[in-house]
Amino acid sequence: MNLEEIDLILISGGDGIEKVIDEEMVENALKRAYRLEVPIASIYASAVLLAKAGIIAEKKFTCMEGTFKYYQNIFSQSTYTGADVEVGAGYITAKGTSYPEFTIETCKLLGLVKDGKQAERMYLFCTGKR
């Protein structure tokens, strides 16, 4: 994988995260991407992969509370906020139920949102209210 040619790493979460949690290749790729300033967007349980890679050490993050409790030892160096979305320098974490907000923040990170009005339209679309 040529990380220099990637605009964003998007990591989904949910069931199955335990299948890749100990994969050294995943951890090393995330570390390298972060060093290269490739933005990383992580939703639901995939925040644990950022923690394993040290990306959110001493930083704020969020995920579902059950995920935080289950992997509390891995998150021990990070600050869990319980917010819907947390945006840090070069990364985003979000609860799995907060996909509209996650989508908007990810688009902002990529410079795809022009203003608040566009973000509001995106939110309405993502929530089926438009």
Protein backbone atom coordinates (compact mmCIF):
# COMPACT_ATOMS: atom_id res chain seq x y z
CA MET A 1 0.00 0.00 0.00
CA ASN A 2 1.42 3.36 -1.04
CA LEU A 3 0.27 5.66 1.75
CA GLU A 4 1.65 8.73 0.00
CA GLU A 5 -1.14 8.39 -2.58
CA ILE A 6 -4.00 8.07 -0.08
CA ASP A 7 -6.21 11.01 0.93
CA LEU A 8 -7.84 9.31 3.91
CA ILE A 9 -7.91 6.05 5.83
CA LEU A 10 -11.49 5.17 6.76
CA ILE A 11 -11.83 2.38 9.31
CA SER A 12 -15.19 0.84 10.00
CA GLY A 13 -15.75 -0.92 13.29
CA GLY A 14 -18.28 -3.21 14.83
CA ASP A 15 -18.25 -6.96 15.08
CA GLY A 16 -15.05 -8.57 13.92
CA ILE A 17 -12.60 -5.96 15.16
CA GLU A 18 -11.02 -8.65 17.34
CA LYS A 19 -9.96 -10.46 14.16
CA VAL A 20 -7.53 -7.67 13.25
CA ILE A 21 -6.73 -6.13 16.62
CA ASP A 22 -3.44 -8.00 16.92
CA GLU A 23 -2.40 -7.71 13.26
CA GLU A 24 1.00 -6.02 13.25
CA MET A 25 0.53 -4.97 9.62
CA VAL A 26 -2.60 -2.96 10.53
CA GLU A 27 -0.90 -1.30 13.48
CA ASN A 28 2.22 -0.42 11.46
CA ALA A 29 0.19 0.94 8.53
CA LEU A 30 -1.79 3.19 10.87
CA LYS A 31 1.36 4.46 12.58
CA ARG A 32 2.98 5.19 9.24
CA ALA A 33 -0.12 6.90 7.85
CA TYR A 34 -0.34 9.11 10.93
CA ARG A 35 3.35 10.05 10.62
CA LEU A 36 2.73 10.94 6.96
CA GLU A 37 -0.26 13.08 8.06
CA VAL A 38 -2.79 10.95 6.19
CA PRO A 39 -6.09 11.66 7.99
CA ILE A 40 -7.64 8.66 9.75
CA ALA A 41 -11.39 8.42 10.29
CA SER A 42 -12.47 5.73 12.73
CA ILE A 43 -16.02 4.80 13.69
CA TYR A 44 -17.42 2.46 16.33
CA ALA A 45 -15.01 -0.19 17.67
CA SER A 46 -12.18 0.66 15.29
CA ALA A 47 -10.99 3.32 17.76
CA VAL A 48 -9.27 0.42 19.50
CA LEU A 49 -6.97 0.10 16.47
CA LEU A 50 -5.94 3.75 16.86
CA ALA A 51 -5.25 3.14 20.54
CA LYS A 52 -3.13 0.06 19.79
CA ALA A 53 -1.13 2.12 17.30
CA GLY A 54 -0.60 4.91 19.85
CA ILE A 55 -2.38 7.48 17.72
CA ILE A 56 -4.81 8.56 20.41
CA ALA A 57 -2.42 8.24 23.37
CA GLU A 58 -2.94 11.23 25.69
CA LYS A 59 -5.71 12.47 23.37
CA LYS A 60 -9.49 12.58 23.44
CA PHE A 61 -11.46 9.91 21.60
CA THR A 62 -14.90 8.36 21.53
CA CYS A 63 -16.62 5.10 20.68
CA MET A 64 -19.57 3.18 22.06
CA GLU A 65 -19.38 2.91 25.84
CA GLY A 66 -19.45 -0.90 25.70
CA THR A 67 -16.42 -0.89 23.42
CA PHE A 68 -14.58 1.44 25.77
CA LYS A 69 -15.32 -0.76 28.77
CA TYR A 70 -14.41 -3.99 26.97
CA TYR A 71 -11.06 -2.64 25.72
CA GLN A 72 -10.37 -0.33 28.67
CA ASN A 73 -6.84 -1.71 29.09
CA ILE A 74 -5.98 -0.76 25.48
CA PHE A 75 -7.52 2.70 25.92
CA SER A 76 -5.70 3.32 29.22
CA GLN A 77 -3.48 6.10 27.81
CA SER A 78 -6.35 7.93 26.10
CA THR A 79 -9.22 10.09 27.34
CA TYR A 80 -12.69 8.71 26.63
CA THR A 81 -15.27 11.48 26.28
CA GLY A 82 -18.44 9.63 25.30
CA ALA A 83 -19.20 12.37 22.77
CA ASP A 84 -20.82 11.47 19.46
CA VAL A 85 -17.68 12.48 17.54
CA GLU A 86 -14.17 13.56 18.54
CA VAL A 87 -11.97 15.37 16.05
CA GLY A 88 -8.27 15.51 16.81
CA ALA A 89 -5.19 16.52 14.88
CA GLY A 90 -5.25 14.12 11.93
CA TYR A 91 -7.91 11.75 13.23
CA ILE A 92 -11.63 11.40 13.92
CA THR A 93 -13.33 8.91 16.20
CA ALA A 94 -17.09 8.41 16.41
CA LYS A 95 -19.74 6.28 18.02
CA GLY A 96 -21.31 3.80 15.62
CA THR A 97 -24.68 5.48 16.07
CA SER A 98 -23.27 8.84 15.02
CA TYR A 99 -22.62 8.11 11.38
CA PRO A 100 -24.25 11.34 10.08
CA GLU A 101 -21.97 13.49 12.24
CA PHE A 102 -19.01 11.23 11.41
CA THR A 103 -19.71 11.64 7.68
CA ILE A 104 -19.83 15.42 7.96
CA GLU A 105 -16.66 15.68 10.04
CA THR A 106 -14.84 13.36 7.64
CA CYS A 107 -15.92 15.50 4.69
CA LYS A 108 -14.78 18.62 6.55
CA LEU A 109 -11.40 17.02 7.17
CA LEU A 110 -11.08 16.43 3.42
CA GLY A 111 -12.16 20.00 2.60
CA LEU A 112 -15.39 18.86 0.96
CA VAL A 113 -17.77 20.98 3.06
CA LYS A 114 -18.01 24.62 2.02
CA ASP A 115 -20.01 26.01 4.92
CA GLY A 116 -22.47 25.34 7.71
CA LYS A 117 -25.43 25.36 5.36
CA GLN A 118 -23.95 22.55 3.29
CA ALA A 119 -23.15 20.61 6.48
CA GLU A 120 -26.77 21.00 7.61
CA ARG A 121 -28.06 19.71 4.25
CA MET A 122 -25.72 16.74 4.55
CA TYR A 123 -27.00 16.02 8.04
CA LEU A 124 -30.62 16.13 6.91
CA PHE A 125 -29.81 13.81 4.01
CA CYS A 126 -27.92 11.33 6.22
CA THR A 127 -30.74 11.23 8.75
CA GLY A 128 -33.46 10.82 6.11
CA LYS A 129 -35.05 14.16 6.96
CA ARG A 130 -34.53 15.64 3.54
